[in-house]
């Protein structure tokens, strides 16, 4: 499955994306259908299908992911006004790409229904 995974292909450079940060096994790139003025996706380079499989990452990768997400938000100018970080798991949450990813959204007041 990992070979056909869209996000694995983005991480490897096989599929183009606007990458805004890459470090310590993590990649951040602009969402192609943004839901906010700033909408960045953060993924581990290693394939993990969803939050339920996060044990597939090393403890260091799991710890680095949070710092990486915070750095992306800061670099995107979101730190002072605020931002939302979400991860979807499964069909009820509308997970559309089965590779663990975080949405970092901001740049405007966000809806309380998102």
Protein backbone atom coordinates (compact mmCIF):
# COMPACT_ATOMS: atom_id res chain seq x y z
CA UNK A 1 0.00 0.00 0.00
CA UNK A 2 2.79 2.44 0.83
CA UNK A 3 4.07 2.29 -2.76
CA UNK A 4 0.76 3.59 -4.12
CA UNK A 5 0.23 6.13 -1.32
CA UNK A 6 -0.10 9.68 -2.63
CA UNK A 7 1.60 11.21 0.40
CA UNK A 8 4.49 8.74 0.21
CA UNK A 9 4.92 9.77 -3.40
CA UNK A 10 4.90 13.46 -2.38
CA UNK A 11 7.46 12.78 0.38
CA UNK A 12 9.74 11.03 -2.11
CA UNK A 13 9.43 13.84 -4.66
CA UNK A 14 7.72 11.62 -7.22
CA UNK A 15 4.57 13.78 -7.09
CA UNK A 16 5.10 17.55 -7.03
CA UNK A 17 3.89 19.62 -4.10
CA UNK A 18 4.70 23.00 -2.64
CA UNK A 19 6.91 21.91 0.23
CA UNK A 20 7.28 24.58 2.92
CA UNK A 21 9.46 22.60 5.35
CA UNK A 22 11.33 19.28 5.48
CA UNK A 23 13.32 18.07 8.48
CA UNK A 24 13.90 14.98 10.65
CA UNK A 25 11.70 12.64 8.61
CA UNK A 26 8.79 15.09 8.38
CA UNK A 27 7.46 17.03 5.41
CA UNK A 28 5.06 19.99 5.30
CA UNK A 29 3.37 21.07 2.10
CA UNK A 30 0.49 23.28 1.02
CA UNK A 31 -2.94 21.64 0.77
CA UNK A 32 -4.21 21.65 -2.83
CA UNK A 33 -7.77 22.42 -1.64
CA UNK A 34 -7.20 24.83 1.25
CA UNK A 35 -9.97 25.41 3.80
CA UNK A 36 -8.26 28.50 5.25
CA UNK A 37 -5.85 31.15 3.95
CA UNK A 38 -3.03 29.05 5.40
CA UNK A 39 -3.59 25.30 5.12
CA UNK A 40 -0.50 23.12 5.38
CA UNK A 41 -0.35 19.33 5.63
CA UNK A 42 2.33 17.78 7.83
CA UNK A 43 3.27 14.14 7.27
CA UNK A 44 5.91 11.71 8.41
CA UNK A 45 8.03 10.54 5.49
CA UNK A 46 7.56 6.99 6.76
CA UNK A 47 4.18 5.50 5.83
CA UNK A 48 1.75 5.23 8.73
CA UNK A 49 -1.89 4.88 7.67
CA UNK A 50 -3.46 7.01 10.40
CA UNK A 51 -3.28 8.08 14.02
CA UNK A 52 -4.20 4.51 14.99
CA UNK A 53 -0.84 3.34 13.61
CA UNK A 54 1.34 5.99 15.23
CA UNK A 55 3.25 3.24 17.05
CA UNK A 56 4.79 2.57 13.63
CA UNK A 57 6.90 5.69 14.18
CA UNK A 58 9.84 5.74 16.55
CA UNK A 59 9.51 7.61 19.87
CA UNK A 60 11.86 10.27 18.47
CA UNK A 61 9.75 10.66 15.32
CA UNK A 62 6.60 11.04 17.43
CA UNK A 63 8.24 13.67 19.63
CA UNK A 64 9.79 15.52 16.68
CA UNK A 65 6.40 15.69 14.94
CA UNK A 66 4.92 18.09 17.51
CA UNK A 67 7.92 20.42 17.40
CA UNK A 68 7.85 20.26 13.59
CA UNK A 69 4.15 21.21 13.51
CA UNK A 70 4.80 24.17 15.83
CA UNK A 71 7.72 25.31 13.64
CA UNK A 72 5.55 25.12 10.51
CA UNK A 73 2.85 27.25 12.15
CA UNK A 74 5.43 29.79 13.31
CA UNK A 75 7.06 29.96 9.85
CA UNK A 76 3.64 30.45 8.25
CA UNK A 77 3.04 33.48 10.49
CA UNK A 78 0.29 31.88 12.56
CA UNK A 79 1.79 31.93 16.04
CA UNK A 80 0.52 35.35 17.15
CA UNK A 81 -3.08 35.01 15.93
CA UNK A 82 -3.61 31.29 16.46
CA UNK A 83 -4.13 28.20 14.38
CA UNK A 84 -5.84 24.82 14.39
CA UNK A 85 -4.11 21.44 14.16
CA UNK A 86 -6.23 18.41 13.30
CA UNK A 87 -5.72 14.81 12.27
CA UNK A 88 -8.50 12.64 10.89
CA UNK A 89 -8.81 8.90 11.41
CA UNK A 90 -11.21 6.76 9.43
CA UNK A 91 -14.36 7.26 7.40
CA UNK A 92 -16.45 9.06 10.04
CA UNK A 93 -13.73 11.70 10.30
CA UNK A 94 -13.53 11.92 6.49
CA UNK A 95 -9.93 10.74 6.22
CA UNK A 96 -9.36 10.77 2.47
CA UNK A 97 -5.65 9.90 2.24
CA UNK A 98 -4.61 6.95 4.37
CA UNK A 99 -1.25 8.31 5.45
CA UNK A 100 -1.04 10.01 8.85
CA UNK A 101 -1.26 13.74 8.31
CA UNK A 102 -1.97 16.85 10.30
CA UNK A 103 -3.82 19.87 8.95
CA UNK A 104 -2.34 23.17 10.16
CA UNK A 105 -4.87 25.90 9.39
CA UNK A 106 -5.09 29.59 10.15
CA UNK A 107 -4.77 33.06 8.75
CA UNK A 108 -8.37 34.01 9.57
CA UNK A 109 -10.85 33.38 12.37
CA UNK A 110 -11.83 29.73 11.93
CA UNK A 111 -15.33 28.30 12.14
CA UNK A 112 -16.38 26.61 15.34
CA UNK A 113 -18.01 23.87 13.26
CA UNK A 114 -14.81 22.60 11.61
